[in-house]
Amino acid sequence: MLTSTWKKNDKKANWLILSFSIIVFLIVAALGRVQVNVDLGFDVHLFALINAVINSAVSILLIAALVAVKKENTNFIKN
């Protein structure tokens, strides 16, 4: 097994994680102010609708999986 070069609470790791987090936050905040006006020829809100449909389907599947696990329903698993 390989040993890690950084200890669990290493200061270098903490500074690296903090620095990276701040840099990514600043980039995302800066990109939030950028606006590109492009005519794509269709309603771009269609992407939001597709995203909502996918999220709904995933949430229904997750709830169904949770119910199946709670009931210990393993009929779909073949040994």
N, C-alpha and C. Protein backbone atom coordinates (compact mmCIF):
# COMPACT_ATOMS: atom_id res chain seq x y z
N MET A 1 0.85 -1.18 0.00
CA MET A 1 0.00 0.00 0.00
C MET A 1 0.89 1.24 0.00
N LEU A 2 0.47 2.23 -0.76
CA LEU A 2 1.23 3.47 -0.81
C LEU A 2 0.94 4.33 0.41
N THR A 3 1.95 4.99 0.90
CA THR A 3 1.75 5.90 2.02
C THR A 3 1.53 7.31 1.47
N SER A 4 0.71 8.06 2.14
CA SER A 4 0.44 9.42 1.69
C SER A 4 1.60 10.34 2.05
N THR A 5 1.80 11.35 1.20
CA THR A 5 2.88 12.30 1.47
C THR A 5 2.39 13.42 2.38
N TRP A 6 1.08 13.64 2.45
CA TRP A 6 0.52 14.65 3.33
C TRP A 6 -0.15 13.97 4.51
N LYS A 7 0.02 14.53 5.65
CA LYS A 7 -0.64 14.01 6.84
C LYS A 7 -2.10 14.46 6.84
N LYS A 8 -2.87 13.95 7.76
CA LYS A 8 -4.32 14.20 7.77
C LYS A 8 -4.64 15.69 7.86
N ASN A 9 -4.03 16.40 8.73
CA ASN A 9 -4.31 17.83 8.90
C ASN A 9 -3.10 18.67 8.49
N ASP A 10 -2.51 18.33 7.38
CA ASP A 10 -1.32 19.02 6.90
C ASP A 10 -1.67 20.45 6.50
N LYS A 11 -0.83 21.41 6.91
CA LYS A 11 -1.08 22.82 6.59
C LYS A 11 -0.97 23.08 5.10
N LYS A 12 -0.06 22.38 4.41
CA LYS A 12 0.06 22.56 2.96
C LYS A 12 -1.23 22.17 2.25
N ALA A 13 -1.80 21.05 2.68
CA ALA A 13 -3.05 20.59 2.06
C ALA A 13 -4.18 21.57 2.34
N ASN A 14 -4.26 22.06 3.56
CA ASN A 14 -5.31 23.02 3.90
C ASN A 14 -5.17 24.30 3.08
N TRP A 15 -3.94 24.81 2.93
CA TRP A 15 -3.74 26.02 2.14
C TRP A 15 -4.04 25.77 0.67
N LEU A 16 -3.66 24.62 0.16
CA LEU A 16 -3.94 24.28 -1.23
C LEU A 16 -5.44 24.21 -1.49
N ILE A 17 -6.15 23.54 -0.60
CA ILE A 17 -7.61 23.42 -0.75
C ILE A 17 -8.27 24.79 -0.63
N LEU A 18 -7.85 25.59 0.34
CA LEU A 18 -8.43 26.92 0.52
C LEU A 18 -8.14 27.81 -0.68
N SER A 19 -6.91 27.79 -1.17
CA SER A 19 -6.54 28.61 -2.33
C SER A 19 -7.34 28.20 -3.56
N PHE A 20 -7.41 26.91 -3.81
CA PHE A 20 -8.16 26.42 -4.96
C PHE A 20 -9.63 26.79 -4.86
N SER A 21 -10.21 26.67 -3.68
CA SER A 21 -11.62 27.01 -3.47
C SER A 21 -11.87 28.49 -3.74
N ILE A 22 -11.00 29.34 -3.26
CA ILE A 22 -11.17 30.78 -3.48
C ILE A 22 -11.03 31.12 -4.95
N ILE A 23 -10.04 30.54 -5.62
CA ILE A 23 -9.83 30.81 -7.04
C ILE A 23 -11.04 30.37 -7.85
N VAL A 24 -11.55 29.17 -7.59
CA VAL A 24 -12.72 28.69 -8.33
C VAL A 24 -13.92 29.56 -8.05
N PHE A 25 -14.12 29.96 -6.80
CA PHE A 25 -15.25 30.85 -6.47
C PHE A 25 -15.15 32.17 -7.22
N LEU A 26 -13.96 32.76 -7.26
CA LEU A 26 -13.80 34.04 -7.97
C LEU A 26 -14.02 33.89 -9.47
N ILE A 27 -13.59 32.79 -10.06
CA ILE A 27 -13.81 32.56 -11.49
C ILE A 27 -15.30 32.40 -11.77
N VAL A 28 -15.99 31.63 -10.94
CA VAL A 28 -17.43 31.44 -11.14
C VAL A 28 -18.18 32.75 -10.96
N ALA A 29 -17.78 33.54 -9.97
CA ALA A 29 -18.43 34.85 -9.75
C ALA A 29 -18.18 35.78 -10.93
N ALA A 30 -16.97 35.76 -11.49
CA ALA A 30 -16.66 36.61 -12.64
C ALA A 30 -17.44 36.15 -13.87
N LEU A 31 -17.55 34.85 -14.08
CA LEU A 31 -18.29 34.35 -15.24
C LEU A 31 -19.78 34.60 -15.11
N GLY A 32 -20.28 34.78 -13.90
CA GLY A 32 -21.68 35.10 -13.71
C GLY A 32 -22.04 36.49 -14.23
N ARG A 33 -21.05 37.34 -14.36
CA ARG A 33 -21.28 38.70 -14.86
C ARG A 33 -21.15 38.80 -16.37
N VAL A 34 -20.63 37.76 -17.00
CA VAL A 34 -20.45 37.77 -18.46
C VAL A 34 -21.77 37.40 -19.13
N GLN A 35 -22.15 38.19 -20.13
CA GLN A 35 -23.37 37.91 -20.85
C GLN A 35 -23.06 37.91 -22.34
N VAL A 36 -23.43 36.85 -23.00
CA VAL A 36 -23.20 36.71 -24.43
C VAL A 36 -24.54 36.73 -25.13
N ASN A 37 -24.74 37.70 -26.01
CA ASN A 37 -25.99 37.80 -26.75
C ASN A 37 -25.83 37.13 -28.10
N VAL A 38 -26.38 35.92 -28.20
CA VAL A 38 -26.29 35.14 -29.43
C VAL A 38 -27.69 34.64 -29.76
N ASP A 39 -28.08 34.79 -31.02
CA ASP A 39 -29.37 34.29 -31.46
C ASP A 39 -29.18 32.86 -31.96
N LEU A 40 -29.65 31.90 -31.18
CA LEU A 40 -29.48 30.50 -31.53
C LEU A 40 -30.59 29.97 -32.42
N GLY A 41 -31.64 30.73 -32.59
CA GLY A 41 -32.73 30.31 -33.46
C GLY A 41 -33.79 29.47 -32.76
N PHE A 42 -33.65 29.26 -31.46
CA PHE A 42 -34.66 28.53 -30.70
C PHE A 42 -34.67 29.06 -29.28
N ASP A 43 -35.69 28.68 -28.54
CA ASP A 43 -35.84 29.14 -27.16
C ASP A 43 -34.86 28.38 -26.25
N VAL A 44 -33.92 29.10 -25.67
CA VAL A 44 -32.91 28.46 -24.83
C VAL A 44 -33.49 27.96 -23.51
N HIS A 45 -34.70 28.38 -23.15
CA HIS A 45 -35.33 27.91 -21.93
C HIS A 45 -35.75 26.44 -22.06
N LEU A 46 -35.65 25.91 -23.26
CA LEU A 46 -35.92 24.49 -23.48
C LEU A 46 -34.94 23.64 -22.67
N PHE A 47 -33.69 24.11 -22.52
CA PHE A 47 -32.70 23.39 -21.74
C PHE A 47 -33.11 23.30 -20.27
N ALA A 48 -33.70 24.37 -19.75
CA ALA A 48 -34.17 24.35 -18.36
C ALA A 48 -35.31 23.35 -18.19
N LEU A 49 -36.18 23.27 -19.19
CA LEU A 49 -37.28 22.31 -19.13
C LEU A 49 -36.75 20.88 -19.17
N ILE A 50 -35.79 20.62 -20.05
CA ILE A 50 -35.20 19.28 -20.12
C ILE A 50 -34.51 18.93 -18.80
N ASN A 51 -33.80 19.89 -18.23
CA ASN A 51 -33.13 19.67 -16.95
C ASN A 51 -34.15 19.35 -15.86
N ALA A 52 -35.27 20.05 -15.84
CA ALA A 52 -36.31 19.80 -14.84
C ALA A 52 -36.90 18.42 -15.00
N VAL A 53 -37.11 17.98 -16.23
CA VAL A 53 -37.66 16.65 -16.49
C VAL A 53 -36.69 15.57 -16.03
N ILE A 54 -35.42 15.75 -16.35
CA ILE A 54 -34.41 14.77 -15.93
C ILE A 54 -34.31 14.73 -14.41
N ASN A 55 -34.29 15.88 -13.76
CA ASN A 55 -34.22 15.92 -12.29
C ASN A 55 -35.44 15.25 -11.66
N SER A 56 -36.61 15.45 -12.25
CA SER A 56 -37.82 14.82 -11.73
C SER A 56 -37.75 13.30 -11.86
N ALA A 57 -37.29 12.83 -13.01
CA ALA A 57 -37.17 11.38 -13.23
C ALA A 57 -36.17 10.77 -12.25
N VAL A 58 -35.06 11.44 -12.05
CA VAL A 58 -34.05 10.92 -11.13
C VAL A 58 -34.59 10.90 -9.70
N SER A 59 -35.31 11.93 -9.30
CA SER A 59 -35.84 11.94 -7.93
C SER A 59 -36.88 10.83 -7.74
N ILE A 60 -37.69 10.57 -8.75
CA ILE A 60 -38.68 9.49 -8.64
C ILE A 60 -37.96 8.14 -8.55
N LEU A 61 -36.92 7.95 -9.36
CA LEU A 61 -36.16 6.70 -9.30
C LEU A 61 -35.45 6.52 -7.96
N LEU A 62 -34.92 7.61 -7.41
CA LEU A 62 -34.27 7.52 -6.10
C LEU A 62 -35.26 7.17 -5.00
N ILE A 63 -36.44 7.75 -5.06
CA ILE A 63 -37.46 7.43 -4.07
C ILE A 63 -37.90 5.98 -4.22
N ALA A 64 -38.06 5.50 -5.46
CA ALA A 64 -38.44 4.11 -5.68
C ALA A 64 -37.36 3.17 -5.17
N ALA A 65 -36.09 3.53 -5.37
CA ALA A 65 -34.98 2.71 -4.86
C ALA A 65 -34.98 2.69 -3.34
N LEU A 66 -35.23 3.83 -2.72
CA LEU A 66 -35.28 3.89 -1.27
C LEU A 66 -36.40 3.02 -0.72
N VAL A 67 -37.56 3.08 -1.34
CA VAL A 67 -38.69 2.25 -0.90
C VAL A 67 -38.35 0.78 -1.07
N ALA A 68 -37.71 0.41 -2.19
CA ALA A 68 -37.34 -0.99 -2.41
C ALA A 68 -36.33 -1.47 -1.38
N VAL A 69 -35.38 -0.63 -1.03
CA VAL A 69 -34.39 -1.01 -0.03
C VAL A 69 -35.04 -1.12 1.35
N LYS A 70 -35.92 -0.20 1.67
CA LYS A 70 -36.61 -0.26 2.97
C LYS A 70 -37.45 -1.52 3.10
N LYS A 71 -38.06 -1.96 1.99
CA LYS A 71 -38.88 -3.17 2.01
C LYS A 71 -38.04 -4.42 1.81
N GLU A 72 -36.75 -4.24 1.59
CA GLU A 72 -35.82 -5.34 1.32
C GLU A 72 -36.29 -6.16 0.12
N ASN A 73 -36.76 -5.45 -0.89
CA ASN A 73 -37.24 -6.08 -2.11
C ASN A 73 -36.07 -6.29 -3.04
N THR A 74 -35.58 -7.53 -3.09
CA THR A 74 -34.43 -7.83 -3.95
C THR A 74 -34.82 -8.83 -5.04
N ASN A 75 -36.05 -8.80 -5.48
CA ASN A 75 -36.51 -9.73 -6.52
C ASN A 75 -35.82 -9.47 -7.86
N PHE A 76 -35.36 -8.27 -8.07
CA PHE A 76 -34.76 -7.94 -9.36
C PHE A 76 -33.31 -8.40 -9.45
N ILE A 77 -32.72 -8.84 -8.34
CA ILE A 77 -31.34 -9.31 -8.34
C ILE A 77 -31.35 -10.83 -8.46
N LYS A 78 -30.72 -11.34 -9.52
CA LYS A 78 -30.66 -12.79 -9.74
C LYS A 78 -29.34 -13.31 -9.18
N ASN A 79 -29.38 -14.35 -8.42
CA ASN A 79 -28.15 -14.95 -7.87
C ASN A 79 -27.63 -16.01 -8.79
